[in-house]
C-alpha atoms as a PDB file:
ATOM      1  CA  MET A   1    -100.260 229.348  53.327  1.00  0.00           C
ATOM      2  CA  ARG A   2    -101.142 229.332  56.893  1.00  0.00           C
ATOM      3  CA  ILE A   3    -104.865 230.726  54.836  1.00  0.00           C
ATOM      4  CA  ALA A   4    -103.536 227.603  52.471  1.00  0.00           C
ATOM      5  CA  ARG A   5    -103.250 224.932  55.249  1.00  0.00           C
ATOM      6  CA  PHE A   6    -106.443 226.076  56.472  1.00  0.00           C
ATOM      7  CA  ALA A   7    -108.440 226.113  53.873  1.00  0.00           C
ATOM      8  CA  VAL A   8    -107.454 222.134  53.436  1.00  0.00           C
ATOM      9  CA  SER A   9    -107.399 221.362  57.061  1.00  0.00           C
ATOM     10  CA  LEU A  10    -110.896 222.145  56.413  1.00  0.00           C
ATOM     11  CA  CYS A  11    -111.411 220.492  53.132  1.00  0.00           C
ATOM     12  CA  LEU A  12    -110.744 217.159  55.015  1.00  0.00           C
ATOM     13  CA  ILE A  13    -112.511 217.720  57.690  1.00  0.00           C
ATOM     14  CA  ALA A  14    -115.771 218.027  55.738  1.00  0.00           C
ATOM     15  CA  CYS A  15    -114.315 215.055  53.623  1.00  0.00           C
ATOM     16  CA  SER A  16    -114.113 212.565  57.044  1.00  0.00           C
ATOM     17  CA  ILE A  17    -118.023 214.005  58.007  1.00  0.00           C
ATOM     18  CA  ALA A  18    -119.360 213.283  54.333  1.00  0.00           C
ATOM     19  CA  ILE A  19    -118.234 209.846  54.354  1.00  0.00           C
ATOM     20  CA  GLY A  20    -119.566 209.543  58.090  1.00  0.00           C
ATOM     21  CA  ILE A  21    -122.192 209.502  56.994  1.00  0.00           C
ATOM     22  CA  LEU A  22    -122.361 207.204  53.745  1.00  0.00           C
ATOM     23  CA  VAL A  23    -120.409 205.028  55.924  1.00  0.00           C
ATOM     24  CA  GLN A  24    -123.719 204.929  58.831  1.00  0.00           C
ATOM     25  CA  ARG A  25    -126.593 205.565  56.390  1.00  0.00           C
ATOM     26  CA  ALA A  26    -124.902 201.584  54.616  1.00  0.00           C
ATOM     27  CA  ARG A  27    -123.742 199.708  57.680  1.00  0.00           C
ATOM     28  CA  PRO A  28    -125.329 196.602  57.708  1.00  0.00           C
ATOM     29  CA  VAL A  29    -127.350 195.099  60.623  1.00  0.00           C
ATOM     30  CA  LYS A  30    -125.202 194.442  63.563  1.00  0.00           C
ATOM     31  CA  ALA A  31    -123.943 190.048  64.095  1.00  0.00           C
ATOM     32  CA  SER A  32    -123.924 188.607  67.501  1.00  0.00           C
ATOM     33  CA  PRO A  33    -120.564 190.480  69.058  1.00  0.00           C
ATOM     34  CA  GLY A  34    -120.337 187.327  70.525  1.00  0.00           C
ATOM     35  CA  GLN A  35    -120.603 183.320  69.894  1.00  0.00           C
ATOM     36  CA  GLY A  36    -123.707 183.530  72.420  1.00  0.00           C
ATOM     37  CA  PRO A  37    -127.358 184.557  71.336  1.00  0.00           C
ATOM     38  CA  ALA A  38    -127.953 188.685  70.467  1.00  0.00           C
ATOM     39  CA  TYR A  39    -130.995 190.260  70.065  1.00  0.00           C
ATOM     40  CA  ALA A  40    -132.589 193.456  68.872  1.00  0.00           C
ATOM     41  CA  LYS A  41    -134.481 195.274  70.476  1.00  0.00           C
ATOM     42  CA  ASN A  42    -138.159 194.548  68.667  1.00  0.00           C
ATOM     43  CA  GLY A  43    -136.621 190.688  69.699  1.00  0.00           C
ATOM     44  CA  ASP A  44    -135.389 190.220  66.443  1.00  0.00           C
ATOM     45  CA  MET A  45    -132.173 188.072  66.451  1.00  0.00           C
ATOM     46  CA  ARG A  46    -128.426 189.847  65.676  1.00  0.00           C
ATOM     47  CA  PRO A  47    -127.267 186.803  62.537  1.00  0.00           C
ATOM     48  CA  PRO A  48    -124.807 184.837  64.460  1.00  0.00           C
ATOM     49  CA  ALA A  49    -121.337 186.565  63.390  1.00  0.00           C
ATOM     50  CA  ASN A  50    -118.211 183.404  62.089  1.00  0.00           C
ATOM     51  CA  TYR A  51    -120.802 180.307  62.600  1.00  0.00           C
ATOM     52  CA  ARG A  52    -118.624 179.043  59.901  1.00  0.00           C
ATOM     53  CA  GLU A  53    -115.638 179.151  62.703  1.00  0.00           C
ATOM     54  CA  TRP A  54    -117.847 177.139  65.344  1.00  0.00           C
ATOM     55  CA  ILE A  55    -118.300 173.478  66.115  1.00  0.00           C
ATOM     56  CA  TYR A  56    -119.180 171.790  62.498  1.00  0.00           C
ATOM     57  CA  LEU A  57    -121.474 168.731  64.000  1.00  0.00           C
ATOM     58  CA  SER A  58    -123.200 167.275  60.705  1.00  0.00           C
ATOM     59  CA  THR A  59    -124.348 167.408  57.058  1.00  0.00           C
ATOM     60  CA  GLY A  60    -127.218 165.624  55.869  1.00  0.00           C
ATOM     61  CA  ILE A  61    -128.691 166.039  52.304  1.00  0.00           C
ATOM     62  CA  ASP A  62    -132.684 166.298  50.770  1.00  0.00           C
ATOM     63  CA  MET A  63    -133.173 165.035  54.753  1.00  0.00           C
ATOM     64  CA  SER A  64    -137.407 164.827  55.226  1.00  0.00           C
ATOM     65  CA  TYR A  65    -138.668 164.158  58.628  1.00  0.00           C
ATOM     66  CA  SER A  66    -142.030 163.992  56.523  1.00  0.00           C
ATOM     67  CA  PRO A  67    -143.145 160.846  54.507  1.00  0.00           C
ATOM     68  CA  LYS A  68    -144.798 163.215  52.544  1.00  0.00           C
ATOM     69  CA  ALA A  69    -141.729 165.267  51.693  1.00  0.00           C
ATOM     70  CA  MET A  70    -142.224 168.797  50.415  1.00  0.00           C
ATOM     71  CA  ASN A  71    -141.331 168.897  46.303  1.00  0.00           C
ATOM     72  CA  MET A  72    -138.111 170.458  45.841  1.00  0.00           C
ATOM     73  CA  GLY A  73    -138.559 170.384  41.628  1.00  0.00           C
ATOM     74  CA  GLY A  74    -135.711 167.656  41.210  1.00  0.00           C
ATOM     75  CA  MET A  75    -133.253 170.746  43.416  1.00  0.00           C
ATOM     76  CA  SER A  76    -130.894 169.088  46.450  1.00  0.00           C
ATOM     77  CA  MET A  77    -129.911 170.102  49.265  1.00  0.00           C
ATOM     78  CA  PHE A  78    -126.943 170.285  51.634  1.00  0.00           C
ATOM     79  CA  ASP A  79    -127.513 170.743  54.791  1.00  0.00           C
ATOM     80  CA  ASN A  80    -124.804 172.111  57.968  1.00  0.00           C
ATOM     81  CA  VAL A  81    -125.632 172.012  61.329  1.00  0.00           C
ATOM     82  CA  PHE A  82    -122.276 174.432  63.590  1.00  0.00           C
ATOM     83  CA  VAL A  83    -122.963 174.992  67.361  1.00  0.00           C
ATOM     84  CA  ASN A  84    -120.513 177.499  69.269  1.00  0.00           C
ATOM     85  CA  PRO A  85    -117.697 176.533  70.849  1.00  0.00           C
ATOM     86  CA  GLU A  86    -118.918 176.803  74.486  1.00  0.00           C
ATOM     87  CA  ALA A  87    -122.311 175.071  74.322  1.00  0.00           C
ATOM     88  CA  TYR A  88    -120.329 172.082  72.621  1.00  0.00           C
ATOM     89  CA  ARG A  89    -117.557 171.491  74.681  1.00  0.00           C
ATOM     90  CA  SER A  90    -120.319 171.484  77.835  1.00  0.00           C
ATOM     91  CA  PHE A  91    -122.186 168.867  76.065  1.00  0.00           C
ATOM     92  CA  LEU A  92    -119.001 166.694  75.789  1.00  0.00           C
ATOM     93  CA  ALA A  93    -118.737 166.813  79.929  1.00  0.00           C
ATOM     94  CA  THR A  94    -122.697 166.454  80.895  1.00  0.00           C
ATOM     95  CA  GLY A  95    -123.889 165.601  77.743  1.00  0.00           C
ATOM     96  CA  THR A  96    -126.915 167.880  77.443  1.00  0.00           C
ATOM     97  CA  TRP A  97    -126.987 171.160  76.247  1.00  0.00           C
ATOM     98  CA  PRO A  98    -126.237 174.707  78.595  1.00  0.00           C
ATOM     99  CA  ASP A  99    -127.487 177.866  78.203  1.00  0.00           C
ATOM    100  CA  LYS A 100    -127.339 179.817  75.897  1.00  0.00           C
ATOM    101  CA  THR A 101    -126.622 177.349  73.037  1.00  0.00           C
ATOM    102  CA  VAL A 102    -126.833 178.084  69.502  1.00  0.00           C
ATOM    103  CA  MET A 103    -127.262 175.814  66.928  1.00  0.00           C
ATOM    104  CA  VAL A 104    -127.125 176.657  62.613  1.00  0.00           C
ATOM    105  CA  LEU A 105    -128.843 175.271  60.167  1.00  0.00           C
ATOM    106  CA  GLU A 106    -127.478 176.228  56.953  1.00  0.00           C
ATOM    107  CA  GLY A 107    -128.656 174.947  53.561  1.00  0.00           C
ATOM    108  CA  ARG A 108    -126.864 175.635  49.953  1.00  0.00           C
ATOM    109  CA  GLU A 109    -127.812 174.354  47.347  1.00  0.00           C
ATOM    110  CA  ALA A 110    -126.737 170.602  45.825  1.00  0.00           C
ATOM    111  CA  ARG A 111    -124.885 170.738  42.631  1.00  0.00           C
ATOM    112  CA  SER A 112    -123.481 167.131  40.240  1.00  0.00           C
ATOM    113  CA  LYS A 113    -122.152 169.154  37.556  1.00  0.00           C
ATOM    114  CA  GLY A 114    -118.669 171.905  37.835  1.00  0.00           C
ATOM    115  CA  SER A 115    -115.152 171.114  37.260  1.00  0.00           C
ATOM    116  CA  ILE A 116    -114.083 167.559  36.869  1.00  0.00           C
ATOM    117  CA  ASN A 117    -116.812 166.356  39.202  1.00  0.00           C
ATOM    118  CA  GLN A 118    -118.580 163.177  36.906  1.00  0.00           C
ATOM    119  CA  ARG A 119    -120.840 161.879  39.756  1.00  0.00           C
ATOM    120  CA  GLY A 120    -121.923 162.255  43.106  1.00  0.00           C
ATOM    121  CA  HIS A 121    -123.111 166.466  44.718  1.00  0.00           C
ATOM    122  CA  PHE A 122    -121.345 169.157  45.633  1.00  0.00           C
ATOM    123  CA  GLN A 123    -122.489 172.029  47.595  1.00  0.00           C
ATOM    124  CA  ALA A 124    -123.008 175.143  45.771  1.00  0.00           C
ATOM    125  CA  VAL A 125    -121.502 178.389  46.710  1.00  0.00           C
ATOM    126  CA  GLY A 126    -124.106 180.823  48.203  1.00  0.00           C
ATOM    127  CA  VAL A 127    -126.525 180.201  51.606  1.00  0.00           C
ATOM    128  CA  MET A 128    -129.892 179.622  50.615  1.00  0.00           C
ATOM    129  CA  ASP A 129    -131.684 178.941  53.892  1.00  0.00           C
ATOM    130  CA  LEU A 130    -130.558 180.004  57.504  1.00  0.00           C
ATOM    131  CA  GLU A 131    -132.353 179.091  61.053  1.00  0.00           C
ATOM    132  CA  VAL A 132    -131.465 178.960  64.181  1.00  0.00           C
ATOM    133  CA  HIS A 133    -131.923 177.202  67.170  1.00  0.00           C
ATOM    134  CA  VAL A 134    -131.023 178.577  70.591  1.00  0.00           C
ATOM    135  CA  LYS A 135    -131.406 177.953  74.036  1.00  0.00           C
ATOM    136  CA  ASP A 136    -132.401 180.840  76.586  1.00  0.00           C
ATOM    137  CA  GLU A 137    -134.077 179.952  79.191  1.00  0.00           C
ATOM    138  CA  VAL A 138    -134.701 182.938  80.524  1.00  0.00           C
ATOM    139  CA  ARG A 139    -136.325 184.367  77.564  1.00  0.00           C
ATOM    140  CA  PHE A 140    -138.787 181.805  76.391  1.00  0.00           C
ATOM    141  CA  PRO A 141    -141.543 179.813  77.943  1.00  0.00           C
ATOM    142  CA  GLY A 142    -140.255 176.986  76.835  1.00  0.00           C
ATOM    143  CA  LYS A 143    -136.198 177.394  77.029  1.00  0.00           C
ATOM    144  CA  TRP A 144    -135.699 176.676  73.321  1.00  0.00           C
ATOM    145  CA  ALA A 145    -136.518 178.883  69.925  1.00  0.00           C
ATOM    146  CA  PHE A 146    -136.518 178.546  66.101  1.00  0.00           C
ATOM    147  CA  PHE A 147    -135.440 182.062  63.972  1.00  0.00           C
ATOM    148  CA  SER A 148    -135.293 182.526  60.232  1.00  0.00           C
ATOM    149  CA  PHE A 149    -132.705 183.820  58.455  1.00  0.00           C
ATOM    150  CA  ASP A 150    -133.074 185.422  55.122  1.00  0.00           C
ATOM    151  CA  SER A 151    -129.589 186.744  54.756  1.00  0.00           C
ATOM    152  CA  LEU A 152    -126.920 186.899  57.273  1.00  0.00           C
ATOM    153  CA  ASP A 153    -127.449 190.900  56.528  1.00  0.00           C
ATOM    154  CA  LYS A 154    -130.806 191.099  58.164  1.00  0.00           C
ATOM    155  CA  ASN A 155    -131.856 189.548  61.723  1.00  0.00           C
ATOM    156  CA  GLY A 156    -133.885 186.621  61.840  1.00  0.00           C
ATOM    157  CA  THR A 157    -137.323 186.597  62.789  1.00  0.00           C
ATOM    158  CA  LEU A 158    -138.771 184.863  65.191  1.00  0.00           C
ATOM    159  CA  ILE A 159    -140.717 180.942  64.190  1.00  0.00           C
ATOM    160  CA  PRO A 160    -144.186 181.157  66.072  1.00  0.00           C
ATOM    161  CA  GLN A 161    -143.959 178.417  69.487  1.00  0.00           C
ATOM    162  CA  LYS A 162    -146.880 176.582  67.228  1.00  0.00           C
ATOM    163  CA  ALA A 163    -145.324 175.395  64.610  1.00  0.00           C
ATOM    164  CA  PRO A 164    -144.866 172.208  64.119  1.00  0.00           C
ATOM    165  CA  CYS A 165    -140.851 172.068  64.593  1.00  0.00           C
ATOM    166  CA  TYR A 166    -141.186 173.178  68.467  1.00  0.00           C
ATOM    167  CA  SER A 167    -143.441 170.003  68.911  1.00  0.00           C
ATOM    168  CA  CYS A 168    -141.394 167.621  66.566  1.00  0.00           C
ATOM    169  CA  HIS A 169    -138.470 168.762  68.531  1.00  0.00           C
ATOM    170  CA  ALA A 170    -140.407 167.767  71.463  1.00  0.00           C
ATOM    171  CA  GLU A 171    -141.179 164.663  70.310  1.00  0.00           C
ATOM    172  CA  HIS A 172    -137.901 162.865  68.731  1.00  0.00           C
ATOM    173  CA  GLY A 173    -135.361 165.081  69.545  1.00  0.00           C
ATOM    174  CA  ALA A 174    -132.656 162.259  71.503  1.00  0.00           C
ATOM    175  CA  VAL A 175    -131.272 165.225  74.063  1.00  0.00           C
ATOM    176  CA  ASP A 176    -132.943 168.002  75.047  1.00  0.00           C
ATOM    177  CA  THR A 177    -135.471 168.259  72.069  1.00  0.00           C
ATOM    178  CA  THR A 178    -132.411 168.378  70.052  1.00  0.00           C
ATOM    179  CA  PHE A 179    -131.416 165.865  66.816  1.00  0.00           C
ATOM    180  CA  VAL A 180    -128.185 165.032  68.366  1.00  0.00           C
ATOM    181  CA  GLN A 181    -129.554 161.307  67.084  1.00  0.00           C
ATOM    182  CA  PHE A 182    -127.675 162.971  63.102  1.00  0.00           C
ATOM    183  CA  TYR A 183    -124.619 164.476  64.916  1.00  0.00           C
ATOM    184  CA  PRO A 184    -122.537 161.152  65.132  1.00  0.00           C
ATOM    185  CA  THR A 185    -120.045 162.698  67.143  1.00  0.00           C
ATOM    186  CA  LEU A 186    -122.305 163.668  69.953  1.00  0.00           C
ATOM    187  CA  LEU A 187    -124.246 160.452  70.188  1.00  0.00           C
ATOM    188  CA  PRO A 188    -121.971 158.227  71.687  1.00  0.00           C
ATOM    189  CA  VAL A 189    -121.516 160.825  74.024  1.00  0.00           C
ATOM    190  CA  ALA A 190    -125.237 160.891  75.191  1.00  0.00           C
ATOM    191  CA  GLU A 191    -125.419 157.421  75.516  1.00  0.00           C
ATOM    192  CA  LYS A 192    -122.904 156.923  77.310  1.00  0.00           C
ATOM    193  CA  LYS A 193    -123.572 160.053  79.616  1.00  0.00           C
ATOM    194  CA  GLY A 194    -127.355 158.826  79.988  1.00  0.00           C
ATOM    195  CA  THR A 195    -128.967 161.542  78.638  1.00  0.00           C
ATOM    196  CA  LEU A 196    -131.399 160.324  75.900  1.00  0.00           C
ATOM    197  CA  SER A 197    -134.578 161.266  76.267  1.00  0.00           C
ATOM    198  CA  GLY A 198    -137.661 159.574  76.970  1.00  0.00           C
ATOM    199  CA  GLU A 199    -139.247 159.357  73.421  1.00  0.00           C
ATOM    200  CA  PHE A 200    -136.234 158.496  71.803  1.00  0.00           C
ATOM    201  CA  LEU A 201    -135.438 155.387  73.828  1.00  0.00           C
ATOM    202  CA  LYS A 202    -138.899 154.658  72.973  1.00  0.00           C
ATOM    203  CA  GLU A 203    -138.627 155.343  69.496  1.00  0.00           C
ATOM    204  CA  LEU A 204    -135.312 153.216  69.029  1.00  0.00           C
ATOM    205  CA  GLN A 205    -137.263 150.053  70.444  1.00  0.00           C
ATOM    206  CA  GLU A 206    -139.996 150.034  68.721  1.00  0.00           C
ATOM    207  CA  GLN A 207    -138.061 150.492  65.130  1.00  0.00           C
ATOM    208  CA  LYS A 208    -135.810 147.339  66.734  1.00  0.00           C
ATOM    209  CA  ALA A 209    -139.563 145.783  67.286  1.00  0.00           C
ATOM    210  CA  GLY A 210    -140.054 146.214  63.385  1.00  0.00           C
ATOM    211  CA  ARG A 211    -142.785 148.147  64.382  1.00  0.00           C
END
């Protein structure tokens, strides 16, 4: 009886070790443990965990900042924007973004045919594009950086500082190089706090003048 129990124990130990090895081999990339930014040793950004539980800011559809919009082959896209709750609460109090702000831009295909829908668009299930705009004042020379993610199972790669998205945000962002002008619940806060950028205010004046 003791031998049988001993054999069973050995079997269980062996199974546990085998399962542990398999789990380690299949273990996905670690997500950010909190709501702030986290990075891998090579500088890549860890995927933000549960970002859809963060504060939702806005959704755009087929938005383009260039007169010559990229040809999407007839496909439309929704862009959903989320921000970590700590940064959102700080923005409400100050009208600007604190250090360690993390903004997630999630792209989903816009569909028109499905279920009982007869007009307009709804969002598809799968995420087609994911980008993160992060403020980390010590880590990045310009305080902000962009990361591109192929999926939430992989770390995001840093978009080079010379990419056009940096200059575009710097020249046109309403608050601290971010497009608060497209976030309807935050634009009034920035107006009240007096934190709108000079570049954005100049654009508003030019638009009113019909330029």
